[in-house]
C-alpha atoms as a PDB file:
ATOM      1  CA  MET A   1     -17.896  -7.991 -12.685  1.00  0.00           C
ATOM      2  CA  ARG A   2     -16.524  -5.001 -10.481  1.00  0.00           C
ATOM      3  CA  PRO A   3     -15.034  -2.235 -12.584  1.00  0.00           C
ATOM      4  CA  ARG A   4     -11.151  -1.941 -12.505  1.00  0.00           C
ATOM      5  CA  LYS A   5      -8.952   0.801 -12.645  1.00  0.00           C
ATOM      6  CA  GLU A   6      -5.362   0.063 -13.998  1.00  0.00           C
ATOM      7  CA  HIS A   7      -2.770   3.139 -14.400  1.00  0.00           C
ATOM      8  CA  TYR A   8       0.831   3.626 -13.908  1.00  0.00           C
ATOM      9  CA  ARG A   9       2.321   6.752 -11.996  1.00  0.00           C
ATOM     10  CA  ARG A  10       6.313   6.641 -12.791  1.00  0.00           C
ATOM     11  CA  LYS A  11       8.314   3.338 -11.992  1.00  0.00           C
ATOM     12  CA  LEU A  12       5.122   1.599  -9.965  1.00  0.00           C
ATOM     13  CA  PRO A  13       2.093  -0.145 -11.551  1.00  0.00           C
ATOM     14  CA  HIS A  14      -1.211   0.550 -10.078  1.00  0.00           C
ATOM     15  CA  PHE A  15      -4.099  -2.119 -10.181  1.00  0.00           C
ATOM     16  CA  GLN A  16      -7.478  -0.924  -8.377  1.00  0.00           C
ATOM     17  CA  GLN A  17     -10.703  -2.583  -7.807  1.00  0.00           C
ATOM     18  CA  PRO A  18     -13.245  -1.741  -5.564  1.00  0.00           C
ATOM     19  CA  GLY A  19     -13.694  -4.409  -2.503  1.00  0.00           C
ATOM     20  CA  GLN A  20      -9.989  -4.938  -2.715  1.00  0.00           C
ATOM     21  CA  TRP A  21      -7.570  -5.408   0.541  1.00  0.00           C
ATOM     22  CA  TYR A  22      -4.146  -3.260   0.244  1.00  0.00           C
ATOM     23  CA  SER A  23      -1.232  -2.256   2.136  1.00  0.00           C
ATOM     24  CA  VAL A  24      -0.179   1.157   1.373  1.00  0.00           C
ATOM     25  CA  THR A  25       2.715   3.356   2.036  1.00  0.00           C
ATOM     26  CA  CYS A  26       2.730   7.071   1.863  1.00  0.00           C
ATOM     27  CA  THR A  27       6.022   8.892   2.313  1.00  0.00           C
ATOM     28  CA  LEU A  28       6.947  12.559   2.858  1.00  0.00           C
ATOM     29  CA  PHE A  29       7.949  14.345  -0.240  1.00  0.00           C
ATOM     30  CA  GLY A  30      11.864  14.278   0.296  1.00  0.00           C
ATOM     31  CA  ALA A  31      12.234  11.172   2.578  1.00  0.00           C
ATOM     32  CA  ILE A  32      13.759   9.049  -0.237  1.00  0.00           C
ATOM     33  CA  PRO A  33      16.809  10.844  -1.686  1.00  0.00           C
ATOM     34  CA  LYS A  34      17.009  11.217  -5.124  1.00  0.00           C
ATOM     35  CA  GLY A  35      18.496   8.637  -7.086  1.00  0.00           C
ATOM     36  CA  ALA A  36      18.573   6.136  -4.320  1.00  0.00           C
ATOM     37  CA  MET A  37      15.693   3.730  -5.797  1.00  0.00           C
ATOM     38  CA  ASP A  38      16.868   4.088  -9.678  1.00  0.00           C
ATOM     39  CA  LYS A  39      18.441   0.234  -9.504  1.00  0.00           C
ATOM     40  CA  TYR A  40      15.417  -1.212  -8.057  1.00  0.00           C
ATOM     41  CA  SER A  41      13.141   0.788 -10.256  1.00  0.00           C
ATOM     42  CA  LEU A  42      14.848  -0.294 -13.174  1.00  0.00           C
ATOM     43  CA  GLN A  43      14.285  -4.235 -12.344  1.00  0.00           C
ATOM     44  CA  LEU A  44      10.856  -3.506 -11.242  1.00  0.00           C
ATOM     45  CA  GLU A  45      10.061  -1.654 -14.776  1.00  0.00           C
ATOM     46  CA  ILE A  46      11.940  -4.764 -16.796  1.00  0.00           C
ATOM     47  CA  ALA A  47      10.113  -7.285 -15.138  1.00  0.00           C
ATOM     48  CA  ARG A  48       6.268  -5.467 -15.292  1.00  0.00           C
ATOM     49  CA  ASN A  49       7.016  -4.452 -18.670  1.00  0.00           C
ATOM     50  CA  ARG A  50       7.527  -8.219 -19.692  1.00  0.00           C
ATOM     51  CA  LEU A  51       4.518  -9.563 -17.387  1.00  0.00           C
ATOM     52  CA  HIS A  52       2.422  -6.774 -19.024  1.00  0.00           C
ATOM     53  CA  HIS A  53       3.577  -7.892 -22.849  1.00  0.00           C
ATOM     54  CA  LEU A  54       2.648 -11.680 -21.878  1.00  0.00           C
ATOM     55  CA  ASP A  55      -0.384 -10.618 -20.068  1.00  0.00           C
ATOM     56  CA  ALA A  56      -1.391  -8.812 -23.488  1.00  0.00           C
ATOM     57  CA  GLU A  57      -0.639 -11.944 -25.325  1.00  0.00           C
ATOM     58  CA  PHE A  58      -2.755 -14.330 -23.139  1.00  0.00           C
ATOM     59  CA  SER A  59      -5.481 -11.765 -22.381  1.00  0.00           C
ATOM     60  CA  GLY A  60      -8.305 -13.191 -20.040  1.00  0.00           C
ATOM     61  CA  ILE A  61      -6.049 -15.074 -17.601  1.00  0.00           C
ATOM     62  CA  GLY A  62      -5.363 -11.970 -15.230  1.00  0.00           C
ATOM     63  CA  VAL A  63      -1.958 -12.675 -14.009  1.00  0.00           C
ATOM     64  CA  TRP A  64      -2.213  -9.598 -11.773  1.00  0.00           C
ATOM     65  CA  GLY A  65      -4.462 -10.917  -9.474  1.00  0.00           C
ATOM     66  CA  ALA A  66      -8.261 -11.083  -9.250  1.00  0.00           C
ATOM     67  CA  GLY A  67     -10.062  -8.587  -6.697  1.00  0.00           C
ATOM     68  CA  VAL A  68     -11.457  -9.797  -3.436  1.00  0.00           C
ATOM     69  CA  SER A  69     -14.746  -8.895  -1.718  1.00  0.00           C
ATOM     70  CA  ASN A  70     -15.434  -7.166   1.597  1.00  0.00           C
ATOM     71  CA  SER A  71     -17.400  -9.169   3.965  1.00  0.00           C
ATOM     72  CA  ASP A  72     -17.152 -10.177   7.788  1.00  0.00           C
ATOM     73  CA  ASN A  73     -15.380 -13.568   7.178  1.00  0.00           C
ATOM     74  CA  LEU A  74     -11.829 -13.024   6.151  1.00  0.00           C
ATOM     75  CA  LYS A  75     -11.405 -16.477   4.621  1.00  0.00           C
ATOM     76  CA  SER A  76     -14.041 -16.170   2.342  1.00  0.00           C
ATOM     77  CA  ASP A  77     -12.837 -12.890   0.756  1.00  0.00           C
ATOM     78  CA  PHE A  78      -9.318 -14.324  -0.496  1.00  0.00           C
ATOM     79  CA  PRO A  79      -8.800 -16.797  -3.385  1.00  0.00           C
ATOM     80  CA  LYS A  80      -7.901 -19.881  -2.542  1.00  0.00           C
ATOM     81  CA  SER A  81      -4.277 -19.910  -3.910  1.00  0.00           C
ATOM     82  CA  ASP A  82      -2.370 -17.024  -5.181  1.00  0.00           C
ATOM     83  CA  LYS A  83      -0.399 -19.349  -7.439  1.00  0.00           C
ATOM     84  CA  ILE A  84      -0.870 -18.798 -11.236  1.00  0.00           C
ATOM     85  CA  SER A  85       0.477 -21.805 -12.431  1.00  0.00           C
ATOM     86  CA  GLY A  86      -2.268 -24.292 -13.966  1.00  0.00           C
ATOM     87  CA  VAL A  87      -3.932 -25.416 -16.708  1.00  0.00           C
ATOM     88  CA  GLY A  88      -4.191 -23.330 -19.551  1.00  0.00           C
ATOM     89  CA  ILE A  89      -1.304 -20.727 -18.319  1.00  0.00           C
ATOM     90  CA  PRO A  90       1.909 -20.927 -20.300  1.00  0.00           C
ATOM     91  CA  GLU A  91       4.990 -21.362 -18.248  1.00  0.00           C
ATOM     92  CA  SER A  92       6.669 -18.217 -19.087  1.00  0.00           C
ATOM     93  CA  LEU A  93       3.780 -16.136 -18.011  1.00  0.00           C
ATOM     94  CA  THR A  94       4.015 -18.014 -14.627  1.00  0.00           C
ATOM     95  CA  GLN A  95       7.918 -17.153 -14.861  1.00  0.00           C
ATOM     96  CA  ALA A  96       7.276 -13.969 -15.741  1.00  0.00           C
ATOM     97  CA  LYS A  97       4.917 -13.553 -12.635  1.00  0.00           C
ATOM     98  CA  LYS A  98       7.501 -14.904 -10.274  1.00  0.00           C
ATOM     99  CA  ASP A  99      10.023 -12.794 -11.647  1.00  0.00           C
ATOM    100  CA  TYR A 100       7.609  -9.821 -11.026  1.00  0.00           C
ATOM    101  CA  GLN A 101       6.911 -10.501  -7.343  1.00  0.00           C
ATOM    102  CA  ILE A 102      11.053 -11.145  -6.724  1.00  0.00           C
ATOM    103  CA  ALA A 103      11.410  -7.275  -8.360  1.00  0.00           C
ATOM    104  CA  LEU A 104       8.880  -5.732  -6.220  1.00  0.00           C
ATOM    105  CA  ARG A 105       9.945  -7.335  -3.071  1.00  0.00           C
ATOM    106  CA  LYS A 106      13.580  -6.552  -3.869  1.00  0.00           C
ATOM    107  CA  TYR A 107      12.164  -2.640  -4.046  1.00  0.00           C
ATOM    108  CA  ARG A 108       9.845  -3.100  -1.169  1.00  0.00           C
ATOM    109  CA  LEU A 109      12.796  -3.989   1.155  1.00  0.00           C
ATOM    110  CA  ALA A 110      15.215  -1.380  -0.201  1.00  0.00           C
ATOM    111  CA  PHE A 111      12.609   1.374  -0.295  1.00  0.00           C
ATOM    112  CA  ASP A 112      11.444   0.125   3.624  1.00  0.00           C
ATOM    113  CA  LYS A 113      15.400   0.074   4.186  1.00  0.00           C
ATOM    114  CA  ILE A 114      16.215   3.883   2.941  1.00  0.00           C
ATOM    115  CA  LEU A 115      12.758   5.238   4.572  1.00  0.00           C
ATOM    116  CA  ASN A 116      14.061   3.949   8.219  1.00  0.00           C
ATOM    117  CA  ASN A 117      17.416   5.183   7.969  1.00  0.00           C
ATOM    118  CA  SER A 118      16.493   8.682   6.599  1.00  0.00           C
ATOM    119  CA  ASN A 119      16.539  11.741   8.830  1.00  0.00           C
ATOM    120  CA  LEU A 120      14.655  13.490   5.958  1.00  0.00           C
ATOM    121  CA  PRO A 121      12.599  15.800   6.097  1.00  0.00           C
ATOM    122  CA  THR A 122      13.243  17.400   9.234  1.00  0.00           C
ATOM    123  CA  LEU A 123       9.140  17.426   9.750  1.00  0.00           C
ATOM    124  CA  SER A 124       7.975  14.531  12.000  1.00  0.00           C
ATOM    125  CA  LEU A 125       4.677  12.699  11.823  1.00  0.00           C
ATOM    126  CA  LEU A 126       4.958  11.469  15.075  1.00  0.00           C
ATOM    127  CA  LYS A 127       4.340  14.951  16.690  1.00  0.00           C
ATOM    128  CA  GLU A 128       1.302  14.474  18.411  1.00  0.00           C
ATOM    129  CA  ASN A 129      -0.793  17.375  16.629  1.00  0.00           C
ATOM    130  CA  ASN A 130       0.188  15.860  13.376  1.00  0.00           C
ATOM    131  CA  ARG A 131      -0.168  12.075  14.449  1.00  0.00           C
ATOM    132  CA  LYS A 132      -3.839  13.155  15.293  1.00  0.00           C
ATOM    133  CA  VAL A 133      -4.501  14.936  11.970  1.00  0.00           C
ATOM    134  CA  ILE A 134      -3.151  11.451  10.529  1.00  0.00           C
ATOM    135  CA  GLU A 135      -5.303   9.215  12.473  1.00  0.00           C
ATOM    136  CA  LYS A 136      -8.239  11.678  12.031  1.00  0.00           C
ATOM    137  CA  ALA A 137      -8.030  11.450   8.307  1.00  0.00           C
ATOM    138  CA  LEU A 138      -7.648   7.346   8.253  1.00  0.00           C
ATOM    139  CA  LEU A 139     -10.708   7.139  10.305  1.00  0.00           C
ATOM    140  CA  PHE A 140     -12.622   9.651   8.093  1.00  0.00           C
ATOM    141  CA  TRP A 141     -14.184   7.010   5.632  1.00  0.00           C
ATOM    142  CA  GLU A 142     -14.333   4.068   8.250  1.00  0.00           C
ATOM    143  CA  GLY A 143     -17.620   2.001   7.610  1.00  0.00           C
ATOM    144  CA  LYS A 144     -18.238   4.469   4.555  1.00  0.00           C
ATOM    145  CA  ARG A 145     -15.767   3.703   1.981  1.00  0.00           C
ATOM    146  CA  LEU A 146     -13.103   1.524   3.615  1.00  0.00           C
ATOM    147  CA  THR A 147     -12.387  -0.580   6.564  1.00  0.00           C
ATOM    148  CA  ASN A 148      -9.589  -0.213   8.442  1.00  0.00           C
ATOM    149  CA  HIS A 149      -7.039  -3.205   9.808  1.00  0.00           C
ATOM    150  CA  ALA A 150      -4.160  -1.810  11.320  1.00  0.00           C
ATOM    151  CA  TRP A 151      -1.522   1.209  10.705  1.00  0.00           C
ATOM    152  CA  CYS A 152       1.735   2.234  11.603  1.00  0.00           C
ATOM    153  CA  ILE A 153       2.742   6.043  11.668  1.00  0.00           C
ATOM    154  CA  MET A 154       6.565   6.665  11.534  1.00  0.00           C
ATOM    155  CA  SER A 155       8.533  10.035  11.324  1.00  0.00           C
ATOM    156  CA  ASN A 156       8.516  10.298   7.520  1.00  0.00           C
ATOM    157  CA  HIS A 157       6.206   7.760   6.301  1.00  0.00           C
ATOM    158  CA  ILE A 158       2.927   5.667   7.279  1.00  0.00           C
ATOM    159  CA  HIS A 159       1.949   2.034   6.776  1.00  0.00           C
ATOM    160  CA  TRP A 160      -1.839   1.347   6.446  1.00  0.00           C
ATOM    161  CA  VAL A 161      -3.648  -1.993   5.725  1.00  0.00           C
ATOM    162  CA  LEU A 162      -7.215  -1.232   4.686  1.00  0.00           C
ATOM    163  CA  THR A 163     -10.011  -2.794   2.749  1.00  0.00           C
ATOM    164  CA  VAL A 164     -11.788  -0.353   0.384  1.00  0.00           C
ATOM    165  CA  SER A 165     -15.542  -0.978   0.380  1.00  0.00           C
ATOM    166  CA  GLU A 166     -16.955  -2.028  -3.142  1.00  0.00           C
ATOM    167  CA  LYS A 167     -19.451   0.949  -3.051  1.00  0.00           C
ATOM    168  CA  ASP A 168     -19.884   4.161  -1.234  1.00  0.00           C
ATOM    169  CA  GLU A 169     -22.818   5.959   0.636  1.00  0.00           C
ATOM    170  CA  ASN A 170     -23.893   6.668  -2.807  1.00  0.00           C
ATOM    171  CA  GLY A 171     -23.774   3.116  -4.342  1.00  0.00           C
ATOM    172  CA  LYS A 172     -20.547   4.339  -6.637  1.00  0.00           C
ATOM    173  CA  PRO A 173     -17.800   2.382  -6.686  1.00  0.00           C
ATOM    174  CA  VAL A 174     -14.900   3.151  -4.442  1.00  0.00           C
ATOM    175  CA  TYR A 175     -11.244   3.343  -5.669  1.00  0.00           C
ATOM    176  CA  LEU A 176      -8.129   3.606  -3.376  1.00  0.00           C
ATOM    177  CA  GLU A 177      -6.689   6.277  -5.571  1.00  0.00           C
ATOM    178  CA  ASP A 178      -9.664   8.710  -4.717  1.00  0.00           C
ATOM    179  CA  ILE A 179      -9.346   7.637  -1.220  1.00  0.00           C
ATOM    180  CA  LEU A 180      -5.882   8.537  -0.923  1.00  0.00           C
ATOM    181  CA  HIS A 181      -6.065  12.091  -2.606  1.00  0.00           C
ATOM    182  CA  SER A 182      -8.865  12.875  -0.053  1.00  0.00           C
ATOM    183  CA  ILE A 183      -6.446  11.875   2.884  1.00  0.00           C
ATOM    184  CA  LYS A 184      -3.261  13.712   1.436  1.00  0.00           C
ATOM    185  CA  LEU A 185      -5.077  16.340   0.585  1.00  0.00           C
ATOM    186  CA  PHE A 186      -6.682  16.910   4.293  1.00  0.00           C
ATOM    187  CA  THR A 187      -3.262  16.219   6.145  1.00  0.00           C
ATOM    188  CA  ALA A 188      -1.002  18.066   3.730  1.00  0.00           C
ATOM    189  CA  ARG A 189      -3.240  21.185   4.476  1.00  0.00           C
ATOM    190  CA  ASN A 190      -3.429  20.596   8.175  1.00  0.00           C
ATOM    191  CA  ILE A 191      -0.116  19.194   9.019  1.00  0.00           C
ATOM    192  CA  ASN A 192       1.390  22.299   7.064  1.00  0.00           C
ATOM    193  CA  GLU A 193      -0.827  24.440   9.135  1.00  0.00           C
ATOM    194  CA  ASN A 194       0.723  22.864  12.112  1.00  0.00           C
ATOM    195  CA  GLU A 195       4.309  23.170  10.955  1.00  0.00           C
ATOM    196  CA  GLY A 196       3.887  27.018   9.722  1.00  0.00           C
ATOM    197  CA  GLN A 197       4.824  26.153   6.204  1.00  0.00           C
ATOM    198  CA  THR A 198       3.309  25.417   2.756  1.00  0.00           C
ATOM    199  CA  GLY A 199       4.112  23.348  -0.235  1.00  0.00           C
ATOM    200  CA  GLN A 200       3.989  19.743  -1.152  1.00  0.00           C
ATOM    201  CA  LEU A 201       4.047  17.340   1.948  1.00  0.00           C
ATOM    202  CA  TRP A 202       3.623  14.203   0.609  1.00  0.00           C
ATOM    203  CA  GLU A 203       5.208  12.114  -2.515  1.00  0.00           C
ATOM    204  CA  HIS A 204       2.848  12.136  -5.412  1.00  0.00           C
ATOM    205  CA  GLU A 205       3.117   8.518  -5.808  1.00  0.00           C
ATOM    206  CA  SER A 206       2.214   5.900  -2.570  1.00  0.00           C
ATOM    207  CA  PHE A 207       3.573   2.343  -2.643  1.00  0.00           C
ATOM    208  CA  GLU A 208       0.509  -0.071  -2.457  1.00  0.00           C
ATOM    209  CA  THR A 209       0.353  -3.747  -2.481  1.00  0.00           C
ATOM    210  CA  THR A 210      -2.865  -6.045  -3.377  1.00  0.00           C
ATOM    211  CA  ILE A 211      -3.413  -8.519  -0.152  1.00  0.00           C
ATOM    212  CA  ARG A 212      -3.541 -12.180  -2.222  1.00  0.00           C
ATOM    213  CA  ASN A 213      -4.925 -14.194   0.763  1.00  0.00           C
ATOM    214  CA  GLU A 214      -5.062 -14.867   4.541  1.00  0.00           C
ATOM    215  CA  ARG A 215      -1.725 -15.965   4.876  1.00  0.00           C
ATOM    216  CA  HIS A 216      -0.405 -12.797   2.975  1.00  0.00           C
ATOM    217  CA  PHE A 217      -2.789 -10.829   5.033  1.00  0.00           C
ATOM    218  CA  SER A 218      -1.282 -12.125   8.312  1.00  0.00           C
ATOM    219  CA  ASN A 219       2.317 -11.321   7.071  1.00  0.00           C
ATOM    220  CA  VAL A 220       1.462  -8.031   6.010  1.00  0.00           C
ATOM    221  CA  ILE A 221      -0.190  -7.278   9.520  1.00  0.00           C
ATOM    222  CA  ASN A 222       3.023  -8.376  11.530  1.00  0.00           C
ATOM    223  CA  TYR A 223       5.153  -6.513   9.010  1.00  0.00           C
ATOM    224  CA  VAL A 224       3.537  -3.286   9.558  1.00  0.00           C
ATOM    225  CA  LEU A 225       3.013  -3.328  13.030  1.00  0.00           C
ATOM    226  CA  ASN A 226       6.277  -4.237  13.899  1.00  0.00           C
ATOM    227  CA  ASN A 227       7.921  -1.711  11.659  1.00  0.00           C
ATOM    228  CA  PRO A 228       9.295   0.419  14.407  1.00  0.00           C
ATOM    229  CA  VAL A 229      10.620  -2.758  16.075  1.00  0.00           C
ATOM    230  CA  SER A 230      12.421  -3.665  12.847  1.00  0.00           C
ATOM    231  CA  ALA A 231      13.986  -0.403  12.892  1.00  0.00           C
ATOM    232  CA  GLY A 232      15.430  -0.589  16.466  1.00  0.00           C
ATOM    233  CA  LEU A 233      12.979   2.103  17.752  1.00  0.00           C
ATOM    234  CA  VAL A 234      11.455  -0.016  20.342  1.00  0.00           C
ATOM    235  CA  SER A 235      11.372  -3.444  21.595  1.00  0.00           C
ATOM    236  CA  ASP A 236       7.361  -3.991  21.338  1.00  0.00           C
ATOM    237  CA  TRP A 237       5.299  -2.670  18.634  1.00  0.00           C
ATOM    238  CA  ARG A 238       2.811  -1.458  21.477  1.00  0.00           C
ATOM    239  CA  ASP A 239       5.151   1.036  22.821  1.00  0.00           C
ATOM    240  CA  TRP A 240       5.137   2.930  19.755  1.00  0.00           C
ATOM    241  CA  PRO A 241       2.720   5.875  19.753  1.00  0.00           C
ATOM    242  CA  GLY A 242       1.880   5.649  15.880  1.00  0.00           C
ATOM    243  CA  THR A 243       0.661   2.085  15.676  1.00  0.00           C
ATOM    244  CA  ARG A 244      -2.947   0.482  15.741  1.00  0.00           C
ATOM    245  CA  THR A 245      -4.571  -2.466  14.794  1.00  0.00           C
ATOM    246  CA  PHE A 246      -8.446  -3.024  14.582  1.00  0.00           C
ATOM    247  CA  LEU A 247      -7.972  -6.812  14.768  1.00  0.00           C
ATOM    248  CA  SER A 248      -8.975  -8.925  17.748  1.00  0.00           C
ATOM    249  CA  PRO A 249      -5.916 -10.607  19.677  1.00  0.00           C
END
């Protein structure tokens, strides 16, 4: 069985396993006004704690979702179902899972709405020299520690869909946490240099979602690519300079 990391930072849970598919959002420091997400963070924390408590009571069921492997065949990579109801799983656990997903969805929608309406900070990731730094970073581990599927660079945040490899070039397990640390470090140093500034560039915490199945994957790709369309910035995602997909039409 592949090793699995589970940790919490501030209000969001992070569950990491080599070979997993992810949707990640990284935001610039200060892009979310202080206190703007407090209500949604509290709701998410309550739902998460309840689910975590029930999961501990019925250990071994794996309510947080199993990891999926990286292969050339997308359909074979995902579980056949993302439902947790079934034989041997208590109804209370099923409901707790649903409540958590609802709270997470509300958090996500509020989070993205605030980001898209925010004019903070004044630094723009879309400036050509900054965008090129980000693209270089996202491509650096391609084929070695990850597989890119799509991304969207906005002025104050990035949406990124990727698969983390099971093992790196040295045969060691690969974790999203380590990849994000590497990318944030590289981009912060170079973008700060571009802007003639120093200090923190990124929020310490990233918003990451584990992709459960093929339908979820398709929805995530559509959402990420159409982020500038949803924000009213372009009518077609292909016209946005910060979008890219690695999937065949």
